[in-house]
C-alpha atoms as a PDB file:
ATOM      1  CA  MET A   1      11.905   6.024   8.809  1.00  0.00           C
ATOM      2  CA  VAL A   2       9.603   2.972   8.950  1.00  0.00           C
ATOM      3  CA  LEU A   3       7.285   2.667  11.926  1.00  0.00           C
ATOM      4  CA  SER A   4       6.633  -0.686  13.515  1.00  0.00           C
ATOM      5  CA  GLY A   5       3.044  -1.817  14.250  1.00  0.00           C
ATOM      6  CA  SER A   6       3.306  -0.764  17.861  1.00  0.00           C
ATOM      7  CA  GLU A   7       4.636   2.661  16.965  1.00  0.00           C
ATOM      8  CA  VAL A   8       1.811   3.123  14.444  1.00  0.00           C
ATOM      9  CA  ASP A   9      -0.763   2.065  17.030  1.00  0.00           C
ATOM     10  CA  SER A  10       0.558   4.604  19.478  1.00  0.00           C
ATOM     11  CA  LYS A  11       0.183   7.528  17.098  1.00  0.00           C
ATOM     12  CA  PRO A  12      -2.820   9.750  17.751  1.00  0.00           C
ATOM     13  CA  GLY A  13      -5.643   9.318  15.296  1.00  0.00           C
ATOM     14  CA  LEU A  14      -4.648   5.821  14.174  1.00  0.00           C
ATOM     15  CA  ASP A  15      -6.666   2.950  15.509  1.00  0.00           C
ATOM     16  CA  GLU A  16      -5.669  -0.720  15.348  1.00  0.00           C
ATOM     17  CA  GLU A  17      -7.908  -1.454  12.381  1.00  0.00           C
ATOM     18  CA  SER A  18      -6.408   1.341  10.269  1.00  0.00           C
ATOM     19  CA  ALA A  19      -2.843   0.309  11.159  1.00  0.00           C
ATOM     20  CA  SER A  20      -3.209  -3.295   9.979  1.00  0.00           C
ATOM     21  CA  CYS A  21      -5.665  -5.856   8.699  1.00  0.00           C
ATOM     22  CA  LYS A  22      -6.526  -8.342  11.416  1.00  0.00           C
ATOM     23  CA  GLY A  23      -4.777 -11.669  10.979  1.00  0.00           C
ATOM     24  CA  HIS A  24      -2.578 -10.450   8.110  1.00  0.00           C
ATOM     25  CA  PRO A  25       0.863  -8.934   7.795  1.00  0.00           C
ATOM     26  CA  GLU A  26       0.950  -5.314   8.871  1.00  0.00           C
ATOM     27  CA  GLU A  27       1.484  -2.542   6.440  1.00  0.00           C
ATOM     28  CA  GLN A  28       4.503  -0.336   6.876  1.00  0.00           C
ATOM     29  CA  VAL A  29       3.705   3.333   7.249  1.00  0.00           C
ATOM     30  CA  VAL A  30       6.541   5.506   6.098  1.00  0.00           C
ATOM     31  CA  ALA A  31       6.985   8.929   7.642  1.00  0.00           C
ATOM     32  CA  ILE A  32       8.296  11.252   4.983  1.00  0.00           C
ATOM     33  CA  GLU A  33      10.635  13.955   6.102  1.00  0.00           C
ATOM     34  CA  ASN A  34      12.876  16.113   3.930  1.00  0.00           C
ATOM     35  CA  VAL A  35      11.654  14.299   0.852  1.00  0.00           C
ATOM     36  CA  GLU A  36      13.632  15.029  -2.270  1.00  0.00           C
ATOM     37  CA  SER A  37      11.399  12.967  -4.534  1.00  0.00           C
ATOM     38  CA  PRO A  38       7.652  13.682  -4.341  1.00  0.00           C
ATOM     39  CA  GLN A  39       7.046  10.051  -5.423  1.00  0.00           C
ATOM     40  CA  ALA A  40       8.467   8.445  -2.268  1.00  0.00           C
ATOM     41  CA  PRO A  41       6.027   5.780  -0.998  1.00  0.00           C
ATOM     42  CA  THR A  42       3.780   6.831   1.831  1.00  0.00           C
ATOM     43  CA  VAL A  43       2.576   3.313   2.545  1.00  0.00           C
ATOM     44  CA  ILE A  44       4.299  -0.017   1.718  1.00  0.00           C
ATOM     45  CA  LEU A  45       2.175  -3.140   1.739  1.00  0.00           C
ATOM     46  CA  ASP A  46       3.515  -6.688   1.469  1.00  0.00           C
ATOM     47  CA  ASN A  47       0.478  -8.626   0.230  1.00  0.00           C
ATOM     48  CA  ARG A  48       2.388 -11.816  -0.611  1.00  0.00           C
ATOM     49  CA  GLY A  49       0.830 -14.982   0.770  1.00  0.00           C
ATOM     50  CA  LEU A  50      -2.659 -13.485   1.191  1.00  0.00           C
ATOM     51  CA  GLU A  51      -5.660 -15.074  -0.479  1.00  0.00           C
ATOM     52  CA  PRO A  52      -7.922 -12.944  -2.684  1.00  0.00           C
ATOM     53  CA  PRO A  53      -9.627 -10.581  -2.112  1.00  0.00           C
ATOM     54  CA  GLN A  54      -7.414  -9.513   0.849  1.00  0.00           C
ATOM     55  CA  PRO A  55      -4.589  -7.944  -1.202  1.00  0.00           C
ATOM     56  CA  MET A  56      -7.102  -5.750  -3.115  1.00  0.00           C
ATOM     57  CA  MET A  57      -9.039  -4.812   0.014  1.00  0.00           C
ATOM     58  CA  ARG A  58      -5.853  -3.861   1.906  1.00  0.00           C
ATOM     59  CA  THR A  59      -4.577  -1.833  -1.040  1.00  0.00           C
ATOM     60  CA  LEU A  60      -7.856   0.030  -1.579  1.00  0.00           C
ATOM     61  CA  ALA A  61      -8.149   0.735   2.181  1.00  0.00           C
ATOM     62  CA  ALA A  62      -4.605   2.161   2.194  1.00  0.00           C
ATOM     63  CA  LEU A  63      -5.407   4.355  -0.825  1.00  0.00           C
ATOM     64  CA  GLU A  64      -8.561   5.580   0.877  1.00  0.00           C
ATOM     65  CA  ARG A  65      -6.495   6.823   3.836  1.00  0.00           C
ATOM     66  CA  CYS A  66      -4.003   8.612   1.567  1.00  0.00           C
ATOM     67  CA  LYS A  67      -4.142  12.203   0.380  1.00  0.00           C
ATOM     68  CA  PRO A  68      -4.035  13.001  -3.351  1.00  0.00           C
ATOM     69  CA  GLY A  69      -0.486  12.658  -4.609  1.00  0.00           C
ATOM     70  CA  GLU A  70       0.608  10.173  -1.961  1.00  0.00           C
ATOM     71  CA  VAL A  71       2.023   6.818  -3.091  1.00  0.00           C
ATOM     72  CA  VAL A  72       1.174   3.234  -2.044  1.00  0.00           C
ATOM     73  CA  LEU A  73       3.714   0.570  -2.986  1.00  0.00           C
ATOM     74  CA  ILE A  74       2.431  -3.001  -2.917  1.00  0.00           C
ATOM     75  CA  HIS A  75       4.181  -6.335  -3.351  1.00  0.00           C
ATOM     76  CA  ASN A  76       1.833  -9.090  -4.554  1.00  0.00           C
ATOM     77  CA  ASP A  77       2.205 -12.740  -5.493  1.00  0.00           C
ATOM     78  CA  ARG A  78       1.134 -11.821  -9.072  1.00  0.00           C
ATOM     79  CA  VAL A  79      -0.040  -8.879 -11.142  1.00  0.00           C
ATOM     80  CA  PRO A  80      -3.320  -7.791  -9.514  1.00  0.00           C
ATOM     81  CA  VAL A  81      -5.498  -7.679 -12.622  1.00  0.00           C
ATOM     82  CA  PHE A  82      -8.756  -6.839 -10.807  1.00  0.00           C
ATOM     83  CA  LEU A  83      -7.040  -4.109  -8.797  1.00  0.00           C
ATOM     84  CA  ILE A  84      -5.607  -2.630 -11.991  1.00  0.00           C
ATOM     85  CA  GLU A  85      -9.148  -2.231 -13.397  1.00  0.00           C
ATOM     86  CA  GLU A  86     -10.278  -0.562 -10.194  1.00  0.00           C
ATOM     87  CA  LEU A  87      -7.264   1.793 -10.242  1.00  0.00           C
ATOM     88  CA  LYS A  88      -8.164   2.824 -13.781  1.00  0.00           C
ATOM     89  CA  ASN A  89     -11.751   3.527 -12.707  1.00  0.00           C
ATOM     90  CA  LEU A  90     -10.479   5.587  -9.738  1.00  0.00           C
ATOM     91  CA  GLY A  91      -8.075   7.549 -11.914  1.00  0.00           C
ATOM     92  CA  CYS A  92      -5.000   6.479  -9.924  1.00  0.00           C
ATOM     93  CA  PRO A  93      -1.791   6.346 -11.982  1.00  0.00           C
ATOM     94  CA  PHE A  94       0.225   3.159 -11.422  1.00  0.00           C
ATOM     95  CA  THR A  95       3.292   1.308 -12.621  1.00  0.00           C
ATOM     96  CA  ILE A  96       3.868  -2.425 -12.460  1.00  0.00           C
ATOM     97  CA  GLU A  97       7.314  -3.982 -11.962  1.00  0.00           C
ATOM     98  CA  ASP A  98       7.496  -7.747 -12.551  1.00  0.00           C
ATOM     99  CA  GLN A  99       9.976  -9.397 -10.171  1.00  0.00           C
ATOM    100  CA  ALA A 100      12.379 -12.253 -11.048  1.00  0.00           C
ATOM    101  CA  ASP A 101      10.591 -14.592  -8.623  1.00  0.00           C
ATOM    102  CA  GLY A 102       7.244 -14.122 -10.436  1.00  0.00           C
ATOM    103  CA  THR A 103       5.807 -11.646  -7.946  1.00  0.00           C
ATOM    104  CA  ALA A 104       4.850  -8.082  -8.877  1.00  0.00           C
ATOM    105  CA  LYS A 105       5.426  -4.666  -7.278  1.00  0.00           C
ATOM    106  CA  VAL A 106       2.855  -2.017  -8.050  1.00  0.00           C
ATOM    107  CA  ARG A 107       3.421   1.682  -7.355  1.00  0.00           C
ATOM    108  CA  ILE A 108       0.126   3.553  -7.072  1.00  0.00           C
ATOM    109  CA  GLU A 109      -0.369   7.314  -6.794  1.00  0.00           C
ATOM    110  CA  LYS A 110      -3.669   8.486  -5.297  1.00  0.00           C
ATOM    111  CA  GLY A 111      -5.334  10.700  -7.904  1.00  0.00           C
END
């Protein structure tokens, strides 16, 4: 189940700033119920079209809100080299999937 921005905003404990970055595409918060795979994404961010450093800032903010073991899936215009270095420093395991259109999807697990 994917919650829209208005549904996310109406959930207790989530303010507008934590639900989306102002002026940028909203993240999708995925409610996980009856999960068979522990690696199902908790948060999905479409960072395409954003100018640096917004993709990195949005991704790190989403990771900060996650609990250990939760997964953030991001879709960027390119491989986020500076984010990758930060993920290594934070001890967050990640995988990178290059897309046919030149974009990159990165699956990040909060360590």
